[in-house]
Protein backbone atom coordinates (compact mmCIF):
# COMPACT_ATOMS: atom_id res chain seq x y z
CA MET A 1 90.94 -95.38 24.17
CA SER A 2 90.31 -93.00 27.19
CA ASN A 3 88.58 -94.25 30.20
CA PRO A 4 85.57 -93.12 31.09
CA LEU A 5 85.44 -94.42 34.67
CA GLN A 6 88.77 -92.38 35.67
CA GLY A 7 89.72 -90.63 38.75
CA ALA A 8 87.16 -92.22 40.79
CA GLN A 9 87.94 -91.79 44.54
CA PHE A 10 87.05 -93.78 47.81
CA VAL A 11 84.05 -91.61 49.47
CA LEU A 12 83.02 -94.14 52.42
CA ALA A 13 81.59 -97.45 53.65
CA ALA A 14 78.31 -98.05 54.32
CA HIS A 15 76.66 -100.65 56.82
CA ARG A 16 73.47 -99.59 56.16
CA ILE A 17 71.96 -97.89 53.07
CA SER A 18 70.68 -95.16 55.43
CA GLN A 19 74.38 -94.32 55.68
CA LEU A 20 75.21 -93.55 51.71
CA PRO A 21 75.90 -90.61 49.99
CA ALA A 22 72.56 -88.68 49.25
CA ASP A 23 70.15 -90.45 46.89
CA GLN A 24 71.01 -88.25 44.24
CA GLY A 25 72.66 -88.30 40.75
CA ALA A 26 73.60 -91.58 39.42
CA GLU A 27 75.25 -94.27 39.96
CA VAL A 28 76.06 -98.48 39.15
CA ALA A 29 76.14 -101.03 41.58
CA PHE A 30 78.83 -103.88 41.44
CA ALA A 31 77.70 -107.24 42.65
CA GLY A 32 78.75 -110.61 42.89
CA ARG A 33 80.21 -113.83 44.52
CA SER A 34 83.13 -113.29 47.11
CA ASN A 35 85.55 -115.09 45.46
CA ALA A 36 84.36 -113.80 42.09
CA GLY A 37 87.00 -111.14 41.21
CA LYS A 38 84.68 -107.82 41.99
CA SER A 39 87.29 -105.88 43.61
CA SER A 40 89.82 -106.68 40.69
CA ALA A 41 87.30 -105.92 38.75
CA LEU A 42 86.47 -102.75 39.92
CA ASN A 43 90.24 -101.82 39.84
CA ALA A 44 90.53 -102.63 36.44
CA LEU A 45 87.66 -100.78 34.85
CA THR A 46 88.81 -97.69 37.08
CA GLY A 47 92.64 -98.18 36.18
CA GLN A 48 93.83 -98.00 39.75
CA ARG A 49 94.73 -100.80 41.36
CA GLY A 50 94.64 -99.60 44.66
CA LEU A 51 90.78 -98.19 44.77
CA ALA A 52 88.96 -101.59 45.83
CA ARG A 53 90.91 -103.95 48.39
CA THR A 54 91.46 -107.36 46.87
CA SER A 55 92.72 -110.30 49.37
CA LYS A 56 93.45 -113.66 49.08
CA THR A 57 90.64 -114.32 51.46
CA PRO A 58 87.58 -114.44 49.66
CA GLY A 59 84.53 -112.11 51.23
CA ARG A 60 87.04 -108.88 52.50
CA THR A 61 84.29 -106.45 51.16
CA GLN A 62 81.36 -106.56 54.21
CA GLN A 63 80.17 -103.31 53.67
CA MET A 64 78.82 -101.34 50.75
CA VAL A 65 81.57 -98.74 49.49
CA ALA A 66 80.64 -95.84 47.34
CA PHE A 67 83.41 -94.13 45.07
CA ALA A 68 83.14 -91.03 43.26
CA LEU A 69 83.86 -90.73 39.82
CA PRO A 70 84.00 -86.79 38.58
CA SER A 71 80.56 -85.42 37.69
CA PRO A 72 80.24 -83.08 34.56
CA GLN A 73 80.85 -79.88 35.22
CA GLY A 74 78.13 -78.57 37.04
CA GLY A 75 76.38 -81.75 36.60
CA GLU A 76 74.85 -84.67 39.24
CA PRO A 77 77.11 -86.71 41.11
CA VAL A 78 78.62 -89.98 39.71
CA ARG A 79 79.24 -93.10 42.05
CA LEU A 80 80.09 -96.32 41.92
CA ILE A 81 79.35 -99.18 44.39
CA ASP A 82 80.92 -101.89 45.48
CA LEU A 83 78.46 -104.16 47.52
CA PRO A 84 79.52 -106.74 49.91
CA GLY A 85 80.64 -110.21 48.52
CA TYR A 86 78.06 -112.76 48.58
CA GLY A 87 78.22 -116.61 49.61
CA TYR A 88 81.50 -117.47 50.42
CA ALA A 89 82.87 -115.14 53.54
CA LYS A 90 82.73 -116.99 56.43
CA VAL A 91 81.05 -114.19 58.74
CA PRO A 92 77.92 -115.14 61.36
CA GLU A 93 74.93 -115.90 59.84
CA GLU A 94 73.10 -112.42 61.98
CA LEU A 95 75.58 -110.88 59.32
CA ARG A 96 74.62 -112.66 56.43
CA GLU A 97 70.90 -111.72 57.06
CA HIS A 98 71.62 -108.37 57.80
CA TRP A 99 73.04 -108.18 54.16
CA LYS A 100 70.25 -109.71 52.72
CA ARG A 101 67.92 -107.06 54.24
CA GLU A 102 70.07 -104.01 53.31
CA ILE A 103 71.20 -105.46 49.60
CA ASP A 104 67.60 -105.92 49.14
CA ALA A 105 66.17 -102.59 50.13
CA TYR A 106 68.96 -100.87 48.12
CA LEU A 107 68.13 -102.68 45.09
CA HIS A 108 64.45 -101.84 45.49
CA HIS A 109 64.31 -98.33 46.81
CA ARG A 110 67.69 -96.61 45.55
CA GLN A 111 66.58 -94.10 43.20
CA SER A 112 69.82 -93.06 41.64
CA LEU A 113 70.63 -96.74 40.68
CA ARG A 114 70.93 -97.10 37.05
CA GLY A 115 71.90 -100.68 36.84
CA VAL A 116 74.16 -103.65 38.49
CA VAL A 117 77.36 -104.84 37.02
CA LEU A 118 77.08 -108.61 37.96
CA ILE A 119 80.15 -110.78 38.58
CA ALA A 120 80.93 -114.29 37.97
CA ASP A 121 83.61 -116.42 37.25
CA ILE A 122 83.62 -117.72 33.77
CA ARG A 123 84.76 -121.33 34.89
CA HIS A 124 81.88 -122.25 36.66
CA PRO A 125 78.01 -122.16 35.84
CA LEU A 126 76.25 -119.40 37.29
CA LYS A 127 74.85 -119.79 40.89
CA GLU A 128 71.67 -119.65 42.27
CA PHE A 129 72.85 -115.72 43.81
CA ASP A 130 73.79 -114.82 40.11
CA ARG A 131 70.64 -116.38 38.72
CA MET A 132 68.39 -114.11 41.20
CA MET A 133 69.94 -111.20 40.81
CA LEU A 134 69.52 -111.55 36.98
CA ASP A 135 66.06 -112.48 38.18
CA PHE A 136 65.53 -109.44 39.76
CA CYS A 137 66.92 -107.30 37.29
CA PHE A 138 64.93 -108.01 34.44
CA ALA A 139 61.79 -107.86 37.08
CA THR A 140 62.69 -104.48 37.91
CA GLN A 141 63.59 -103.69 34.54
CA LEU A 142 66.94 -102.83 36.24
CA PRO A 143 69.64 -103.12 33.47
CA CYS A 144 72.39 -105.60 34.46
CA HIS A 145 75.61 -106.25 32.61
CA LEU A 146 77.25 -109.62 33.93
CA LEU A 147 80.98 -109.79 33.42
CA LEU A 148 82.33 -113.51 33.12
CA THR A 149 85.33 -113.01 34.87
CA LYS A 150 89.23 -114.49 35.30
CA ALA A 151 88.93 -115.49 31.19
CA ASP A 152 92.62 -115.72 31.44
CA LYS A 153 92.07 -119.13 33.05
CA LEU A 154 90.76 -120.35 29.76
CA SER A 155 91.67 -121.04 26.14
CA ARG A 156 90.01 -118.42 23.68
CA ASN A 157 87.89 -121.48 22.65
CA GLN A 158 86.42 -122.25 26.38
CA ALA A 159 86.02 -119.22 27.13
CA ALA A 160 84.00 -118.56 23.73
CA GLN A 161 82.01 -121.61 24.99
CA ALA A 162 81.50 -120.63 28.43
CA LEU A 163 80.00 -117.42 26.92
CA ALA A 164 77.86 -118.98 24.44
CA ALA A 165 76.50 -121.34 27.20
CA VAL A 166 75.42 -118.35 29.12
CA ARG A 167 73.85 -116.43 26.47
CA LYS A 168 72.39 -119.88 26.14
CA SER A 169 70.74 -119.96 29.25
CA PHE A 170 69.13 -116.59 28.50
CA ALA A 171 67.07 -117.31 25.91
CA ASP A 172 63.89 -117.94 28.77
CA GLY A 173 63.59 -114.15 28.72
CA LEU A 174 66.58 -112.74 30.50
CA HIS A 175 67.85 -109.61 28.81
CA ALA A 176 71.01 -108.79 30.77
CA THR A 177 74.40 -108.18 28.40
CA VAL A 178 77.51 -110.03 29.23
CA GLN A 179 80.94 -110.59 28.26
CA VAL A 180 83.58 -112.06 28.89
CA PHE A 181 86.39 -110.59 31.23
CA SER A 182 90.16 -110.43 32.72
CA SER A 183 91.28 -107.69 35.34
CA GLN A 184 94.67 -109.72 34.71
CA ALA A 185 95.01 -109.72 30.93
CA ALA A 186 92.80 -106.72 30.39
CA THR A 187 90.35 -108.10 28.23
CA GLY A 188 87.34 -106.82 27.58
CA VAL A 189 87.98 -104.21 29.88
CA ASP A 190 87.09 -100.99 27.73
CA GLU A 191 83.87 -102.91 26.69
CA ALA A 192 82.75 -103.06 29.93
CA ARG A 193 83.69 -99.24 30.88
CA ALA A 194 81.70 -98.38 27.95
CA ARG A 195 78.53 -100.37 29.42
CA VAL A 196 79.52 -98.95 32.57
CA ALA A 197 79.62 -95.34 31.45
CA GLU A 198 76.56 -95.76 29.47
CA LEU A 199 74.17 -97.34 32.25
CA LEU A 200 75.59 -93.95 34.77
CA ARG A 201 74.32 -91.90 31.38
CA THR A 202 71.14 -93.61 31.38
CA PRO A 203 68.10 -92.25 33.14
CA ARG A 204 65.91 -94.07 35.32
CA GLY A 205 63.37 -96.34 33.66
């Protein structure tokens, strides 16, 4: 199966949304807690091991990082945006507040944003940040796809139970799509690539 996210290239790292590439075309943002495996997921989806920096020290992504994808011939630009990891990084409170404001502004005002891929560790219940992001996406009708990462750390039965528990928690009206994922074992990679590609093709509502 060909990879629709192949050919991703680093463009820039931005400290403010005003420094991101021009707000044109289509982009999908990746969000999640710093220790949930966001960089590994990005690398697995693009098929480039060193595209997003992975580290044994969670919280290394402290800027918005833009990656360009090959756009269709004569088409609008297409991007992936890696948002700063949340909740674990030992960073000053002032920087945390800065990123809270910038991410909030990005999600509210970025016209090229087509959806969010939310990364959460399958071994733990969804955290407050995860639920806030899901609530925000639902309230603003922004599509969200939840990757339950590190599935290789559980048995297949345990992973299925964790997936069912998350789906059950969505019964109160959240409309995110969700899947089991492991960058280590390549579990769910094709499914996730297809979902991201679909989001990039979806016109903004």
